Amino acid sequence: MSSEKDLPHDVVIEILSRLPVKTLLRFRCVCKSWYATITHPSFITTHLNRISSYNNHGYLQNSSFDPNEKSKWFETPFNCRPSYYLNLVGSVNGILCLVDERTYFGSRTVYLWNPSIRKFKILPSPSTIHHHSNRKNPVVFGFGFHRWSNDYKVHYNFYVVETREFEIREIGEEGRKR
């Protein structure tokens, strides 16, 4: 049986980049060089671009408020108290942006979660929320990916009395723009 040393590194990358995420998660344990390759940012980008180029069609089930219809539950890796109500803001490249809608205005929590690799990130509250936390004004969230900066962005839109304010959080550099 041949070993990885018999294959050029470019060929190994080409093969690995065509595999599903769950398989790659298992293959991280094969050897140190595969772990380094699979977790390297350039490989992750290559894999994402290759997988995104496939013409995959997803299906979305919309639940009704029919009392006879059973709810579907899924387990999250982050602690959610039973009083939390997670709302899906959006999904880009397999990353879900969720916000809890039942917490006090000034402490709403935004989660970014990649279920495929079982990792999540809790975003800090935007500065505008803290500035106006004594007012319970609606907040509109948006989630997207900016190809030019190669970064995910969460958009917070605030309605403060007669003005509108917004804040965009860049995920990669933990930056903010107002």
N, C-alpha and C. Protein backbone atom coordinates (compact mmCIF):
# COMPACT_ATOMS: atom_id res chain seq x y z
N MET A 1 0.85 -1.18 0.00
CA MET A 1 0.00 0.00 0.00
C MET A 1 0.89 1.24 0.00
N SER A 2 0.55 2.22 -0.80
CA SER A 2 1.39 3.41 -0.89
C SER A 2 1.06 4.37 0.23
N SER A 3 2.02 5.20 0.57
CA SER A 3 1.82 6.19 1.63
C SER A 3 1.70 7.57 1.00
N GLU A 4 1.40 8.56 1.83
CA GLU A 4 1.26 9.93 1.36
C GLU A 4 2.55 10.41 0.71
N LYS A 5 3.70 9.90 1.19
CA LYS A 5 5.00 10.34 0.67
C LYS A 5 5.16 9.98 -0.80
N ASP A 6 4.39 9.01 -1.28
CA ASP A 6 4.46 8.61 -2.68
C ASP A 6 3.69 9.56 -3.59
N LEU A 7 2.83 10.37 -3.03
CA LEU A 7 2.02 11.30 -3.81
C LEU A 7 2.53 12.73 -3.62
N PRO A 8 2.61 13.49 -4.70
CA PRO A 8 2.98 14.90 -4.55
C PRO A 8 1.92 15.63 -3.72
N HIS A 9 2.37 16.62 -2.96
CA HIS A 9 1.47 17.37 -2.07
C HIS A 9 0.31 17.99 -2.85
N ASP A 10 0.56 18.48 -4.07
CA ASP A 10 -0.51 19.07 -4.89
C ASP A 10 -1.61 18.06 -5.19
N VAL A 11 -1.22 16.81 -5.42
CA VAL A 11 -2.20 15.76 -5.72
C VAL A 11 -3.03 15.46 -4.47
N VAL A 12 -2.37 15.42 -3.31
CA VAL A 12 -3.08 15.17 -2.05
C VAL A 12 -4.11 16.29 -1.82
N ILE A 13 -3.70 17.54 -2.03
CA ILE A 13 -4.62 18.67 -1.87
C ILE A 13 -5.79 18.56 -2.84
N GLU A 14 -5.50 18.20 -4.07
CA GLU A 14 -6.56 18.06 -5.09
C GLU A 14 -7.57 16.99 -4.68
N ILE A 15 -7.10 15.88 -4.17
CA ILE A 15 -7.99 14.80 -3.74
C ILE A 15 -8.79 15.23 -2.51
N LEU A 16 -8.10 15.75 -1.50
CA LEU A 16 -8.79 16.14 -0.27
C LEU A 16 -9.82 17.24 -0.51
N SER A 17 -9.53 18.16 -1.41
CA SER A 17 -10.45 19.28 -1.64
C SER A 17 -11.76 18.86 -2.27
N ARG A 18 -11.84 17.63 -2.76
CA ARG A 18 -13.07 17.13 -3.38
C ARG A 18 -13.94 16.32 -2.42
N LEU A 19 -13.46 16.14 -1.20
CA LEU A 19 -14.18 15.30 -0.24
C LEU A 19 -15.19 16.12 0.56
N PRO A 20 -16.23 15.45 1.07
CA PRO A 20 -17.20 16.15 1.92
C PRO A 20 -16.58 16.57 3.26
N VAL A 21 -17.18 17.55 3.89
CA VAL A 21 -16.66 18.10 5.14
C VAL A 21 -16.56 17.03 6.23
N LYS A 22 -17.58 16.19 6.36
CA LYS A 22 -17.54 15.16 7.41
C LYS A 22 -16.36 14.22 7.23
N THR A 23 -16.04 13.88 6.01
CA THR A 23 -14.88 13.03 5.74
C THR A 23 -13.60 13.75 6.11
N LEU A 24 -13.50 15.03 5.76
CA LEU A 24 -12.31 15.80 6.12
C LEU A 24 -12.12 15.89 7.63
N LEU A 25 -13.22 16.01 8.36
CA LEU A 25 -13.12 16.04 9.83
C LEU A 25 -12.49 14.76 10.35
N ARG A 26 -12.86 13.64 9.78
CA ARG A 26 -12.26 12.36 10.21
C ARG A 26 -10.80 12.27 9.76
N PHE A 27 -10.50 12.77 8.56
CA PHE A 27 -9.16 12.64 8.00
C PHE A 27 -8.13 13.55 8.67
N ARG A 28 -8.57 14.49 9.50
CA ARG A 28 -7.61 15.33 10.23
C ARG A 28 -6.74 14.48 11.15
N CYS A 29 -7.25 13.34 11.55
CA CYS A 29 -6.54 12.47 12.50
C CYS A 29 -5.59 11.49 11.82
N VAL A 30 -5.53 11.47 10.50
CA VAL A 30 -4.69 10.49 9.79
C VAL A 30 -3.22 10.72 10.10
N CYS A 31 -2.76 11.94 9.96
CA CYS A 31 -1.37 12.27 10.26
C CYS A 31 -1.25 13.78 10.43
N LYS A 32 -0.11 14.22 10.96
CA LYS A 32 0.08 15.64 11.24
C LYS A 32 0.04 16.49 9.97
N SER A 33 0.61 15.97 8.89
CA SER A 33 0.63 16.77 7.65
C SER A 33 -0.78 16.94 7.08
N TRP A 34 -1.63 15.93 7.20
CA TRP A 34 -3.01 16.07 6.73
C TRP A 34 -3.77 17.04 7.62
N TYR A 35 -3.54 16.98 8.91
CA TYR A 35 -4.18 17.93 9.83
C TYR A 35 -3.79 19.36 9.44
N ALA A 36 -2.49 19.58 9.23
CA ALA A 36 -2.01 20.92 8.86
C ALA A 36 -2.61 21.37 7.53
N THR A 37 -2.71 20.46 6.58
CA THR A 37 -3.27 20.80 5.27
C THR A 37 -4.76 21.13 5.37
N ILE A 38 -5.51 20.26 6.04
CA ILE A 38 -6.97 20.41 6.11
C ILE A 38 -7.38 21.65 6.91
N THR A 39 -6.60 22.03 7.91
CA THR A 39 -6.96 23.19 8.74
C THR A 39 -6.32 24.50 8.26
N HIS A 40 -5.53 24.45 7.21
CA HIS A 40 -4.88 25.66 6.69
C HIS A 40 -5.92 26.55 5.98
N PRO A 41 -5.89 27.87 6.23
CA PRO A 41 -6.88 28.77 5.62
C PRO A 41 -6.96 28.69 4.10
N SER A 42 -5.83 28.50 3.42
CA SER A 42 -5.88 28.44 1.95
C SER A 42 -6.59 27.17 1.48
N PHE A 43 -6.41 26.05 2.20
CA PHE A 43 -7.12 24.83 1.84
C PHE A 43 -8.61 24.99 2.09
N ILE A 44 -8.97 25.61 3.22
CA ILE A 44 -10.38 25.82 3.55
C ILE A 44 -11.05 26.65 2.45
N THR A 45 -10.36 27.70 1.98
CA THR A 45 -10.90 28.53 0.90
C THR A 45 -11.04 27.73 -0.39
N THR A 46 -10.01 26.94 -0.72
CA THR A 46 -10.06 26.10 -1.92
C THR A 46 -11.23 25.12 -1.84
N HIS A 47 -11.37 24.47 -0.69
CA HIS A 47 -12.45 23.49 -0.50
C HIS A 47 -13.81 24.17 -0.62
N LEU A 48 -13.97 25.32 0.02
CA LEU A 48 -15.24 26.05 -0.03
C LEU A 48 -15.58 26.45 -1.46
N ASN A 49 -14.60 26.96 -2.21
CA ASN A 49 -14.84 27.35 -3.60
C ASN A 49 -15.23 26.16 -4.46
N ARG A 50 -14.59 25.03 -4.24
CA ARG A 50 -14.89 23.83 -5.03
C ARG A 50 -16.29 23.33 -4.71
N ILE A 51 -16.61 23.24 -3.43
CA ILE A 51 -17.93 22.74 -3.02
C ILE A 51 -19.02 23.71 -3.47
N SER A 52 -18.75 25.03 -3.39
CA SER A 52 -19.74 26.03 -3.78
C SER A 52 -20.02 26.01 -5.28
N SER A 53 -19.06 25.54 -6.07
CA SER A 53 -19.24 25.54 -7.52
C SER A 53 -20.15 24.41 -7.99
N TYR A 54 -20.36 23.40 -7.16
CA TYR A 54 -21.29 22.33 -7.52
C TYR A 54 -22.70 22.87 -7.53
N ASN A 55 -23.52 22.34 -8.39
CA ASN A 55 -24.90 22.80 -8.48
C ASN A 55 -25.76 21.99 -7.51
N ASN A 56 -25.57 22.23 -6.24
CA ASN A 56 -26.35 21.53 -5.23
C ASN A 56 -27.62 22.32 -4.94
N HIS A 57 -28.72 21.62 -4.82
CA HIS A 57 -29.97 22.25 -4.46
C HIS A 57 -30.35 21.79 -3.07
N GLY A 58 -30.63 22.73 -2.20
CA GLY A 58 -31.05 22.39 -0.85
C GLY A 58 -32.57 22.43 -0.76
N TYR A 59 -33.06 21.88 0.28
CA TYR A 59 -34.50 21.87 0.53
C TYR A 59 -34.77 22.51 1.87
N LEU A 60 -35.82 23.26 1.96
CA LEU A 60 -36.19 23.93 3.19
C LEU A 60 -37.61 23.53 3.53
N GLN A 61 -37.81 23.09 4.73
CA GLN A 61 -39.16 22.73 5.17
C GLN A 61 -39.71 23.87 5.99
N ASN A 62 -40.87 24.34 5.64
CA ASN A 62 -41.51 25.42 6.37
C ASN A 62 -42.59 24.81 7.26
N SER A 63 -42.41 24.92 8.54
CA SER A 63 -43.39 24.36 9.48
C SER A 63 -44.58 25.29 9.61
N SER A 64 -45.74 24.71 9.72
CA SER A 64 -46.93 25.51 9.95
C SER A 64 -47.21 25.56 11.44
N PHE A 65 -48.23 26.28 11.82
CA PHE A 65 -48.61 26.35 13.22
C PHE A 65 -49.67 25.30 13.56
N ASP A 66 -49.71 24.28 12.77
CA ASP A 66 -50.65 23.18 12.99
C ASP A 66 -50.26 22.44 14.26
N PRO A 67 -51.16 22.34 15.25
CA PRO A 67 -50.82 21.66 16.51
C PRO A 67 -50.54 20.17 16.33
N ASN A 68 -50.99 19.60 15.22
CA ASN A 68 -50.73 18.18 14.97
C ASN A 68 -49.35 17.93 14.37
N GLU A 69 -48.71 19.00 13.93
CA GLU A 69 -47.39 18.85 13.32
C GLU A 69 -46.32 18.90 14.40
N LYS A 70 -45.41 17.93 14.35
CA LYS A 70 -44.34 17.87 15.35
C LYS A 70 -43.23 18.84 14.99
N SER A 71 -42.69 19.48 16.01
CA SER A 71 -41.53 20.35 15.82
C SER A 71 -40.28 19.51 15.71
N LYS A 72 -39.33 20.01 14.94
CA LYS A 72 -38.04 19.33 14.82
C LYS A 72 -37.04 20.06 15.70
N TRP A 73 -36.33 19.32 16.50
CA TRP A 73 -35.34 19.89 17.41
C TRP A 73 -33.96 19.45 16.97
N PHE A 74 -33.00 20.34 17.14
CA PHE A 74 -31.61 19.97 16.90
C PHE A 74 -30.77 20.54 18.03
N GLU A 75 -29.68 19.85 18.31
CA GLU A 75 -28.82 20.24 19.43
C GLU A 75 -27.80 21.27 18.97
N THR A 76 -27.61 22.31 19.77
CA THR A 76 -26.60 23.32 19.46
C THR A 76 -25.42 23.15 20.41
N PRO A 77 -24.22 23.50 19.96
CA PRO A 77 -23.04 23.35 20.81
C PRO A 77 -22.90 24.46 21.85
N PHE A 78 -23.71 25.50 21.76
CA PHE A 78 -23.63 26.60 22.72
C PHE A 78 -24.80 26.49 23.69
N ASN A 79 -24.60 27.06 24.86
CA ASN A 79 -25.63 26.99 25.90
C ASN A 79 -26.78 27.93 25.57
N CYS A 80 -27.93 27.37 25.43
CA CYS A 80 -29.14 28.17 25.21
C CYS A 80 -30.12 27.81 26.31
N ARG A 81 -30.41 28.80 27.13
CA ARG A 81 -31.41 28.55 28.17
C ARG A 81 -32.76 28.33 27.51
N PRO A 82 -33.65 27.60 28.16
CA PRO A 82 -34.96 27.33 27.56
C PRO A 82 -35.73 28.58 27.19
N SER A 83 -35.43 29.70 27.83
CA SER A 83 -36.17 30.93 27.52
C SER A 83 -35.68 31.58 26.22
N TYR A 84 -34.57 31.09 25.68
CA TYR A 84 -34.05 31.68 24.45
C TYR A 84 -34.90 31.24 23.27
N TYR A 85 -35.07 32.14 22.36
CA TYR A 85 -35.75 31.84 21.11
C TYR A 85 -34.77 32.22 20.02
N LEU A 86 -34.17 31.23 19.37
CA LEU A 86 -33.19 31.51 18.34
C LEU A 86 -33.88 31.73 17.00
N ASN A 87 -33.52 32.83 16.37
CA ASN A 87 -34.07 33.17 15.07
C ASN A 87 -32.95 33.10 14.04
N LEU A 88 -33.19 32.43 12.93
CA LEU A 88 -32.19 32.34 11.87
C LEU A 88 -32.19 33.64 11.09
N VAL A 89 -31.05 34.34 11.13
CA VAL A 89 -30.90 35.59 10.39
C VAL A 89 -30.56 35.28 8.94
N GLY A 90 -29.64 34.33 8.75
CA GLY A 90 -29.23 33.96 7.40
C GLY A 90 -28.22 32.84 7.44
N SER A 91 -27.91 32.34 6.25
CA SER A 91 -26.95 31.26 6.11
C SER A 91 -26.11 31.53 4.87
N VAL A 92 -24.80 31.48 5.03
CA VAL A 92 -23.89 31.69 3.92
C VAL A 92 -22.78 30.65 4.03
N ASN A 93 -22.53 29.93 2.94
CA ASN A 93 -21.45 28.94 2.89
C ASN A 93 -21.50 27.96 4.06
N GLY A 94 -22.68 27.60 4.48
CA GLY A 94 -22.83 26.63 5.57
C GLY A 94 -22.74 27.21 6.96
N ILE A 95 -22.50 28.51 7.07
CA ILE A 95 -22.44 29.17 8.38
C ILE A 95 -23.80 29.79 8.67
N LEU A 96 -24.35 29.47 9.83
CA LEU A 96 -25.65 30.00 10.23
C LEU A 96 -25.45 31.19 11.16
N CYS A 97 -26.22 32.24 10.95
CA CYS A 97 -26.23 33.39 11.86
C CYS A 97 -27.55 33.34 12.60
N LEU A 98 -27.48 33.19 13.93
CA LEU A 98 -28.66 33.07 14.78
C LEU A 98 -28.65 34.18 15.81
N VAL A 99 -29.83 34.68 16.14
CA VAL A 99 -29.94 35.70 17.19
C VAL A 99 -31.03 35.27 18.15
N ASP A 100 -30.77 35.46 19.45
CA ASP A 100 -31.83 35.16 20.40
C ASP A 100 -32.73 36.38 20.49
N GLU A 101 -34.02 36.17 20.34
CA GLU A 101 -34.99 37.26 20.25
C GLU A 101 -35.70 37.54 21.57
N ARG A 102 -35.49 36.72 22.57
CA ARG A 102 -36.26 36.91 23.80
C ARG A 102 -35.47 37.59 24.91
N THR A 103 -34.25 37.93 24.65
CA THR A 103 -33.48 38.59 25.69
C THR A 103 -33.70 40.10 25.62
N TYR A 104 -33.31 40.78 26.68
CA TYR A 104 -33.46 42.23 26.76
C TYR A 104 -32.71 42.88 25.62
N PHE A 105 -33.21 43.96 25.10
CA PHE A 105 -32.65 44.65 23.93
C PHE A 105 -31.14 44.84 24.02
N GLY A 106 -30.66 45.27 25.17
CA GLY A 106 -29.25 45.59 25.30
C GLY A 106 -28.34 44.38 25.39
N SER A 107 -28.91 43.18 25.47
CA SER A 107 -28.04 42.01 25.63
C SER A 107 -28.34 40.90 24.63
N ARG A 108 -28.91 41.24 23.49
CA ARG A 108 -29.18 40.21 22.48
C ARG A 108 -27.88 39.55 22.07
N THR A 109 -27.94 38.25 21.95
CA THR A 109 -26.75 37.49 21.61
C THR A 109 -26.85 37.03 20.16
N VAL A 110 -25.76 37.21 19.41
CA VAL A 110 -25.69 36.75 18.03
C VAL A 110 -24.67 35.62 17.98
N TYR A 111 -25.10 34.50 17.38
CA TYR A 111 -24.24 33.33 17.25
C TYR A 111 -23.93 33.10 15.77
N LEU A 112 -22.68 32.78 15.47
CA LEU A 112 -22.31 32.26 14.16
C LEU A 112 -21.95 30.80 14.39
N TRP A 113 -22.57 29.90 13.63
CA TRP A 113 -22.40 28.48 13.89
C TRP A 113 -22.21 27.74 12.57
N ASN A 114 -21.16 26.93 12.53
CA ASN A 114 -20.93 26.05 11.39
C ASN A 114 -21.19 24.63 11.85
N PRO A 115 -22.39 24.09 11.61
CA PRO A 115 -22.73 22.75 12.10
C PRO A 115 -21.85 21.66 11.51
N SER A 116 -21.30 21.87 10.30
CA SER A 116 -20.48 20.84 9.67
C SER A 116 -19.22 20.54 10.45
N ILE A 117 -18.59 21.58 10.97
CA ILE A 117 -17.34 21.37 11.72
C ILE A 117 -17.54 21.53 13.22
N ARG A 118 -18.81 21.73 13.62
CA ARG A 118 -19.19 21.80 15.03
C ARG A 118 -18.49 22.94 15.78
N LYS A 119 -18.35 24.09 15.13
CA LYS A 119 -17.74 25.25 15.78
C LYS A 119 -18.72 26.42 15.74
N PHE A 120 -18.60 27.28 16.76
CA PHE A 120 -19.46 28.46 16.82
C PHE A 120 -18.69 29.61 17.41
N LYS A 121 -19.26 30.80 17.24
CA LYS A 121 -18.67 32.02 17.77
C LYS A 121 -19.81 32.89 18.28
N ILE A 122 -19.65 33.44 19.46
CA ILE A 122 -20.62 34.38 20.00
C ILE A 122 -20.07 35.78 19.76
N LEU A 123 -20.84 36.61 19.09
CA LEU A 123 -20.37 37.96 18.78
C LEU A 123 -20.64 38.91 19.94
N PRO A 124 -19.71 39.81 20.20
CA PRO A 124 -19.96 40.82 21.23
C PRO A 124 -21.07 41.76 20.78
N SER A 125 -21.76 42.34 21.73
CA SER A 125 -22.84 43.28 21.40
C SER A 125 -22.25 44.49 20.70
N PRO A 126 -22.97 45.03 19.73
CA PRO A 126 -22.47 46.23 19.06
C PRO A 126 -22.47 47.43 19.99
N SER A 127 -21.59 48.37 19.73
CA SER A 127 -21.47 49.54 20.60
C SER A 127 -22.75 50.37 20.60
N THR A 128 -23.48 50.39 19.50
CA THR A 128 -24.71 51.18 19.41
C THR A 128 -25.77 50.64 20.36
N ILE A 129 -25.82 49.32 20.54
CA ILE A 129 -26.80 48.75 21.47
C ILE A 129 -26.51 49.24 22.88
N HIS A 130 -25.24 49.24 23.28
CA HIS A 130 -24.90 49.70 24.62
C HIS A 130 -25.22 51.18 24.78
N HIS A 131 -25.01 51.95 23.73
CA HIS A 131 -25.25 53.39 23.80
C HIS A 131 -26.73 53.69 24.01
N HIS A 132 -27.59 52.90 23.39
CA HIS A 132 -29.03 53.14 23.47
C HIS A 132 -29.76 52.01 24.20
N SER A 133 -29.08 51.34 25.11
CA SER A 133 -29.67 50.16 25.73
C SER A 133 -30.89 50.48 26.60
N ASN A 134 -31.08 51.74 26.96
CA ASN A 134 -32.24 52.07 27.78
C ASN A 134 -33.51 52.20 26.94
N ARG A 135 -33.39 52.08 25.62
CA ARG A 135 -34.55 52.18 24.75
C ARG A 135 -34.79 50.83 24.10
N LYS A 136 -36.03 50.38 24.08
CA LYS A 136 -36.35 49.09 23.48
C LYS A 136 -36.82 49.28 22.05
N ASN A 137 -35.91 49.69 21.19
CA ASN A 137 -36.24 49.91 19.79
C ASN A 137 -35.87 48.66 18.99
N PRO A 138 -36.60 48.41 17.90
CA PRO A 138 -36.33 47.20 17.12
C PRO A 138 -34.94 47.22 16.51
N VAL A 139 -34.38 46.06 16.37
CA VAL A 139 -33.09 45.88 15.72
C VAL A 139 -33.32 44.92 14.57
N VAL A 140 -32.79 45.26 13.40
CA VAL A 140 -32.87 44.38 12.25
C VAL A 140 -31.48 43.85 12.00
N PHE A 141 -31.37 42.55 11.82
CA PHE A 141 -30.08 41.94 11.57
C PHE A 141 -30.00 41.47 10.13
N GLY A 142 -28.79 41.45 9.59
CA GLY A 142 -28.53 40.87 8.28
C GLY A 142 -27.20 40.13 8.34
N PHE A 143 -27.01 39.17 7.46
CA PHE A 143 -25.78 38.38 7.46
C PHE A 143 -25.39 38.10 6.03
N GLY A 144 -24.10 38.29 5.72
CA GLY A 144 -23.65 38.04 4.36
C GLY A 144 -22.15 37.81 4.28
N PHE A 145 -21.71 37.57 3.07
CA PHE A 145 -20.29 37.34 2.81
C PHE A 145 -19.84 38.33 1.75
N HIS A 146 -18.74 39.03 2.02
CA HIS A 146 -18.19 40.01 1.09
C HIS A 146 -17.00 39.38 0.39
N ARG A 147 -17.15 39.08 -0.90
CA ARG A 147 -16.11 38.35 -1.64
C ARG A 147 -14.80 39.13 -1.74
N TRP A 148 -14.87 40.44 -1.92
CA TRP A 148 -13.65 41.22 -2.10
C TRP A 148 -12.78 41.20 -0.86
N SER A 149 -13.40 41.30 0.30
CA SER A 149 -12.61 41.27 1.54
C SER A 149 -12.49 39.86 2.10
N ASN A 150 -13.19 38.90 1.48
CA ASN A 150 -13.17 37.50 1.92
C ASN A 150 -13.54 37.41 3.40
N ASP A 151 -14.63 38.09 3.76
CA ASP A 151 -15.02 38.16 5.16
C ASP A 151 -16.54 38.11 5.29
N TYR A 152 -17.00 37.55 6.39
CA TYR A 152 -18.42 37.52 6.72
C TYR A 152 -18.77 38.79 7.48
N LYS A 153 -20.00 39.27 7.28
CA LYS A 153 -20.42 40.51 7.93
C LYS A 153 -21.81 40.34 8.52
N VAL A 154 -21.98 40.89 9.72
CA VAL A 154 -23.28 40.94 10.36
C VAL A 154 -23.70 42.41 10.39
N HIS A 155 -24.91 42.68 9.92
CA HIS A 155 -25.41 44.05 9.85
C HIS A 155 -26.45 44.25 10.94
N TYR A 156 -26.25 45.27 11.75
CA TYR A 156 -27.19 45.66 12.80
C TYR A 156 -27.82 46.98 12.37
N ASN A 157 -29.12 47.06 12.34
CA ASN A 157 -29.83 48.28 11.97
C ASN A 157 -30.69 48.71 13.16
N PHE A 158 -30.46 49.91 13.66
CA PHE A 158 -31.14 50.40 14.86
C PHE A 158 -32.10 51.52 14.50
N TYR A 159 -33.23 51.55 15.14
CA TYR A 159 -34.17 52.64 15.01
C TYR A 159 -34.22 53.35 16.35
N VAL A 160 -33.62 54.51 16.40
CA VAL A 160 -33.52 55.26 17.66
C VAL A 160 -34.33 56.54 17.51
N VAL A 161 -35.46 56.59 18.17
CA VAL A 161 -36.40 57.71 18.13
C VAL A 161 -36.63 58.13 16.67
N GLU A 162 -36.10 59.26 16.22
CA GLU A 162 -36.35 59.69 14.85
C GLU A 162 -35.16 59.46 13.93
N THR A 163 -34.17 58.77 14.39
CA THR A 163 -32.99 58.54 13.56
C THR A 163 -32.79 57.05 13.34
N ARG A 164 -31.97 56.76 12.37
CA ARG A 164 -31.57 55.38 12.12
C ARG A 164 -30.06 55.30 12.24
N GLU A 165 -29.60 54.28 12.88
CA GLU A 165 -28.17 54.04 12.98
C GLU A 165 -27.93 52.60 12.56
N PHE A 166 -26.74 52.34 12.06
CA PHE A 166 -26.41 50.97 11.73
C PHE A 166 -24.96 50.70 12.08
N GLU A 167 -24.68 49.44 12.23
CA GLU A 167 -23.32 49.01 12.51
C GLU A 167 -23.09 47.72 11.75
N ILE A 168 -21.94 47.60 11.11
CA ILE A 168 -21.59 46.37 10.41
C ILE A 168 -20.37 45.79 11.10
N ARG A 169 -20.48 44.55 11.52
CA ARG A 169 -19.36 43.88 12.19
C ARG A 169 -18.70 42.95 11.18
N GLU A 170 -17.39 43.18 10.96
CA GLU A 170 -16.61 42.30 10.11
C GLU A 170 -16.09 41.18 11.00
N ILE A 171 -16.37 39.97 10.64
CA ILE A 171 -16.07 38.84 11.50
C ILE A 171 -14.59 38.51 11.54
N GLY A 172 -13.92 38.51 10.39
CA GLY A 172 -12.53 38.09 10.30
C GLY A 172 -11.57 38.88 11.17
N GLU A 173 -11.76 40.17 11.25
CA GLU A 173 -10.83 41.01 12.00
C GLU A 173 -11.47 41.58 13.26
N GLU A 174 -12.66 41.11 13.60
CA GLU A 174 -13.39 41.63 14.76
C GLU A 174 -13.55 43.14 14.67
N GLY A 175 -13.64 43.66 13.44
CA GLY A 175 -13.75 45.10 13.26
C GLY A 175 -15.18 45.57 13.26
N ARG A 176 -15.34 46.88 13.31
CA ARG A 176 -16.66 47.50 13.27
C ARG A 176 -16.63 48.66 12.30
N LYS A 177 -17.74 48.92 11.67
CA LYS A 177 -17.89 50.12 10.86
C LYS A 177 -19.23 50.72 11.18
N ARG A 178 -19.28 52.02 11.28
CA ARG A 178 -20.56 52.71 11.55
C ARG A 178 -20.82 53.69 10.45
